[in-house]
Amino acid sequence: MAKKNAGEQIYKVIEVIGTSTKSWEDAATNAVETAAKSLRDLRIAEVVKQDMKVEDGKVVAFRTRVLLSFKYQS
């Protein structure tokens, strides 16, 4: 079995969706902060999509889809 070099690390990527009634930025922050409660070593958060929930012609919520990477523990 090959030895891992000290600099070689493996990361897992998951997708989460945050919501907010204020803004896409708040929705993204909510997604990251909520995920951080159960995931360790979060490294990168990448916004991949933003959309809005519309009711009766008015925006009622902002949604931000975020890819999160964290260190894979073997």
N, C-alpha and C. Protein backbone atom coordinates (compact mmCIF):
# COMPACT_ATOMS: atom_id res chain seq x y z
N MET A 1 0.85 -1.18 0.00
CA MET A 1 0.00 0.00 0.00
C MET A 1 0.90 1.24 0.00
N ALA A 2 0.60 2.19 -0.85
CA ALA A 2 1.41 3.41 -0.96
C ALA A 2 1.17 4.31 0.24
N LYS A 3 2.22 4.96 0.70
CA LYS A 3 2.11 5.92 1.80
C LYS A 3 1.60 7.24 1.27
N LYS A 4 0.78 7.90 2.06
CA LYS A 4 0.30 9.24 1.70
C LYS A 4 1.36 10.26 2.08
N ASN A 5 1.60 11.20 1.21
CA ASN A 5 2.48 12.31 1.55
C ASN A 5 1.75 13.23 2.51
N ALA A 6 2.50 13.92 3.34
CA ALA A 6 1.90 14.82 4.34
C ALA A 6 1.01 15.87 3.69
N GLY A 7 1.33 16.31 2.48
CA GLY A 7 0.55 17.36 1.82
C GLY A 7 -0.67 16.85 1.07
N GLU A 8 -0.80 15.53 0.91
CA GLU A 8 -1.92 14.97 0.18
C GLU A 8 -3.12 14.80 1.11
N GLN A 9 -4.22 15.42 0.74
CA GLN A 9 -5.42 15.32 1.54
C GLN A 9 -6.60 15.06 0.63
N ILE A 10 -7.62 14.47 1.19
CA ILE A 10 -8.83 14.15 0.44
C ILE A 10 -9.98 14.98 1.01
N TYR A 11 -10.79 15.53 0.11
CA TYR A 11 -11.92 16.34 0.53
C TYR A 11 -13.21 15.76 -0.05
N LYS A 12 -14.27 15.86 0.69
CA LYS A 12 -15.60 15.46 0.25
C LYS A 12 -16.38 16.73 -0.06
N VAL A 13 -17.24 16.67 -1.06
CA VAL A 13 -18.06 17.82 -1.44
C VAL A 13 -19.53 17.42 -1.31
N ILE A 14 -20.30 18.27 -0.64
CA ILE A 14 -21.74 18.06 -0.54
C ILE A 14 -22.46 19.34 -0.98
N GLU A 15 -23.72 19.20 -1.29
CA GLU A 15 -24.52 20.35 -1.71
C GLU A 15 -25.59 20.60 -0.65
N VAL A 16 -25.70 21.86 -0.25
CA VAL A 16 -26.74 22.26 0.70
C VAL A 16 -27.46 23.48 0.14
N ILE A 17 -28.67 23.72 0.62
CA ILE A 17 -29.45 24.87 0.18
C ILE A 17 -29.87 25.65 1.42
N GLY A 18 -29.48 26.91 1.46
CA GLY A 18 -29.88 27.78 2.56
C GLY A 18 -31.01 28.69 2.11
N THR A 19 -31.83 29.11 3.07
CA THR A 19 -32.95 30.00 2.75
C THR A 19 -32.93 31.21 3.67
N SER A 20 -33.54 32.28 3.19
CA SER A 20 -33.65 33.51 3.96
C SER A 20 -34.78 34.36 3.39
N THR A 21 -35.40 35.14 4.24
CA THR A 21 -36.41 36.08 3.74
C THR A 21 -35.76 37.43 3.42
N LYS A 22 -34.46 37.59 3.72
CA LYS A 22 -33.77 38.86 3.52
C LYS A 22 -32.96 38.95 2.23
N SER A 23 -32.07 37.94 2.00
CA SER A 23 -31.16 38.06 0.85
C SER A 23 -30.52 36.71 0.52
N TRP A 24 -29.92 36.65 -0.67
CA TRP A 24 -29.16 35.46 -1.06
C TRP A 24 -27.94 35.30 -0.17
N GLU A 25 -27.32 36.40 0.21
CA GLU A 25 -26.14 36.33 1.09
C GLU A 25 -26.51 35.71 2.44
N ASP A 26 -27.62 36.13 3.00
CA ASP A 26 -28.07 35.54 4.26
C ASP A 26 -28.40 34.06 4.08
N ALA A 27 -28.98 33.71 2.95
CA ALA A 27 -29.30 32.30 2.68
C ALA A 27 -28.02 31.46 2.62
N ALA A 28 -26.99 31.98 1.96
CA ALA A 28 -25.71 31.27 1.88
C ALA A 28 -25.08 31.13 3.27
N THR A 29 -25.12 32.21 4.03
CA THR A 29 -24.57 32.18 5.39
C THR A 29 -25.31 31.16 6.24
N ASN A 30 -26.63 31.12 6.13
CA ASN A 30 -27.42 30.15 6.88
C ASN A 30 -27.04 28.72 6.51
N ALA A 31 -26.82 28.47 5.23
CA ALA A 31 -26.43 27.13 4.77
C ALA A 31 -25.10 26.71 5.39
N VAL A 32 -24.11 27.59 5.32
CA VAL A 32 -22.78 27.26 5.83
C VAL A 32 -22.80 27.10 7.35
N GLU A 33 -23.41 28.03 8.04
CA GLU A 33 -23.41 27.98 9.50
C GLU A 33 -24.18 26.77 10.04
N THR A 34 -25.25 26.40 9.37
CA THR A 34 -26.01 25.22 9.80
C THR A 34 -25.20 23.95 9.54
N ALA A 35 -24.60 23.86 8.36
CA ALA A 35 -23.78 22.67 8.03
C ALA A 35 -22.59 22.55 8.97
N ALA A 36 -22.02 23.67 9.38
CA ALA A 36 -20.84 23.66 10.25
C ALA A 36 -21.14 23.06 11.62
N LYS A 37 -22.40 22.99 11.99
CA LYS A 37 -22.76 22.40 13.28
C LYS A 37 -22.56 20.89 13.28
N SER A 38 -22.61 20.26 12.10
CA SER A 38 -22.46 18.81 12.05
C SER A 38 -21.29 18.32 11.20
N LEU A 39 -20.63 19.22 10.50
CA LEU A 39 -19.47 18.84 9.68
C LEU A 39 -18.21 19.49 10.25
N ARG A 40 -17.11 18.75 10.20
CA ARG A 40 -15.84 19.31 10.70
C ARG A 40 -14.95 19.71 9.53
N ASP A 41 -14.09 20.64 9.80
CA ASP A 41 -13.06 21.07 8.85
C ASP A 41 -13.63 21.54 7.51
N LEU A 42 -14.69 22.37 7.55
CA LEU A 42 -15.18 22.96 6.31
C LEU A 42 -14.06 23.80 5.70
N ARG A 43 -13.88 23.69 4.39
CA ARG A 43 -12.78 24.39 3.72
C ARG A 43 -13.24 25.44 2.73
N ILE A 44 -14.14 25.07 1.86
CA ILE A 44 -14.57 25.96 0.77
C ILE A 44 -16.08 25.92 0.66
N ALA A 45 -16.69 27.06 0.43
CA ALA A 45 -18.11 27.16 0.13
C ALA A 45 -18.24 27.85 -1.22
N GLU A 46 -18.88 27.18 -2.16
CA GLU A 46 -19.03 27.72 -3.51
C GLU A 46 -20.50 27.87 -3.85
N VAL A 47 -20.93 29.09 -4.11
CA VAL A 47 -22.32 29.32 -4.52
C VAL A 47 -22.47 28.86 -5.96
N VAL A 48 -23.42 27.95 -6.19
CA VAL A 48 -23.61 27.41 -7.54
C VAL A 48 -24.93 27.82 -8.17
N LYS A 49 -25.88 28.25 -7.34
CA LYS A 49 -27.17 28.65 -7.90
C LYS A 49 -27.92 29.49 -6.88
N GLN A 50 -28.67 30.45 -7.39
CA GLN A 50 -29.51 31.27 -6.53
C GLN A 50 -30.90 31.34 -7.18
N ASP A 51 -31.92 31.25 -6.35
CA ASP A 51 -33.27 31.42 -6.87
C ASP A 51 -34.15 32.04 -5.79
N MET A 52 -35.38 32.34 -6.17
CA MET A 52 -36.31 32.98 -5.23
C MET A 52 -37.62 32.22 -5.24
N LYS A 53 -38.26 32.21 -4.10
CA LYS A 53 -39.61 31.67 -3.99
C LYS A 53 -40.57 32.84 -4.18
N VAL A 54 -41.53 32.67 -5.07
CA VAL A 54 -42.47 33.75 -5.40
C VAL A 54 -43.89 33.30 -5.07
N GLU A 55 -44.61 34.15 -4.37
CA GLU A 55 -46.02 33.90 -4.07
C GLU A 55 -46.82 35.16 -4.37
N ASP A 56 -47.88 35.01 -5.11
CA ASP A 56 -48.73 36.15 -5.49
C ASP A 56 -47.94 37.29 -6.11
N GLY A 57 -46.94 36.93 -6.93
CA GLY A 57 -46.15 37.94 -7.63
C GLY A 57 -45.12 38.65 -6.78
N LYS A 58 -44.89 38.19 -5.54
CA LYS A 58 -43.92 38.82 -4.65
C LYS A 58 -42.89 37.80 -4.19
N VAL A 59 -41.66 38.27 -4.07
CA VAL A 59 -40.58 37.42 -3.56
C VAL A 59 -40.79 37.23 -2.06
N VAL A 60 -40.87 35.96 -1.63
CA VAL A 60 -41.08 35.68 -0.21
C VAL A 60 -39.87 35.00 0.43
N ALA A 61 -38.95 34.49 -0.40
CA ALA A 61 -37.75 33.85 0.15
C ALA A 61 -36.66 33.78 -0.90
N PHE A 62 -35.44 33.85 -0.43
CA PHE A 62 -34.25 33.70 -1.26
C PHE A 62 -33.64 32.35 -0.94
N ARG A 63 -33.18 31.64 -1.97
CA ARG A 63 -32.53 30.34 -1.77
C ARG A 63 -31.18 30.36 -2.45
N THR A 64 -30.18 29.86 -1.75
CA THR A 64 -28.84 29.79 -2.31
C THR A 64 -28.33 28.36 -2.18
N ARG A 65 -27.95 27.79 -3.32
CA ARG A 65 -27.40 26.44 -3.35
C ARG A 65 -25.88 26.56 -3.24
N VAL A 66 -25.31 25.83 -2.30
CA VAL A 66 -23.89 25.96 -1.97
C VAL A 66 -23.23 24.58 -1.98
N LEU A 67 -22.08 24.48 -2.63
CA LEU A 67 -21.24 23.29 -2.53
C LEU A 67 -20.25 23.52 -1.39
N LEU A 68 -20.19 22.59 -0.46
CA LEU A 68 -19.27 22.68 0.67
C LEU A 68 -18.25 21.58 0.59
N SER A 69 -16.99 21.91 0.79
CA SER A 69 -15.98 20.86 0.87
C SER A 69 -15.41 20.82 2.28
N PHE A 70 -15.13 19.60 2.71
CA PHE A 70 -14.54 19.40 4.02
C PHE A 70 -13.57 18.24 3.95
N LYS A 71 -12.65 18.20 4.88
CA LYS A 71 -11.61 17.19 4.91
C LYS A 71 -12.23 15.83 5.17
N TYR A 72 -11.86 14.87 4.35
CA TYR A 72 -12.37 13.50 4.49
C TYR A 72 -11.55 12.79 5.56
N GLN A 73 -12.23 12.23 6.54
CA GLN A 73 -11.56 11.49 7.61
C GLN A 73 -11.67 10.00 7.32
N SER A 74 -10.53 9.33 7.18
CA SER A 74 -10.59 7.88 6.90
C SER A 74 -10.42 7.09 8.17
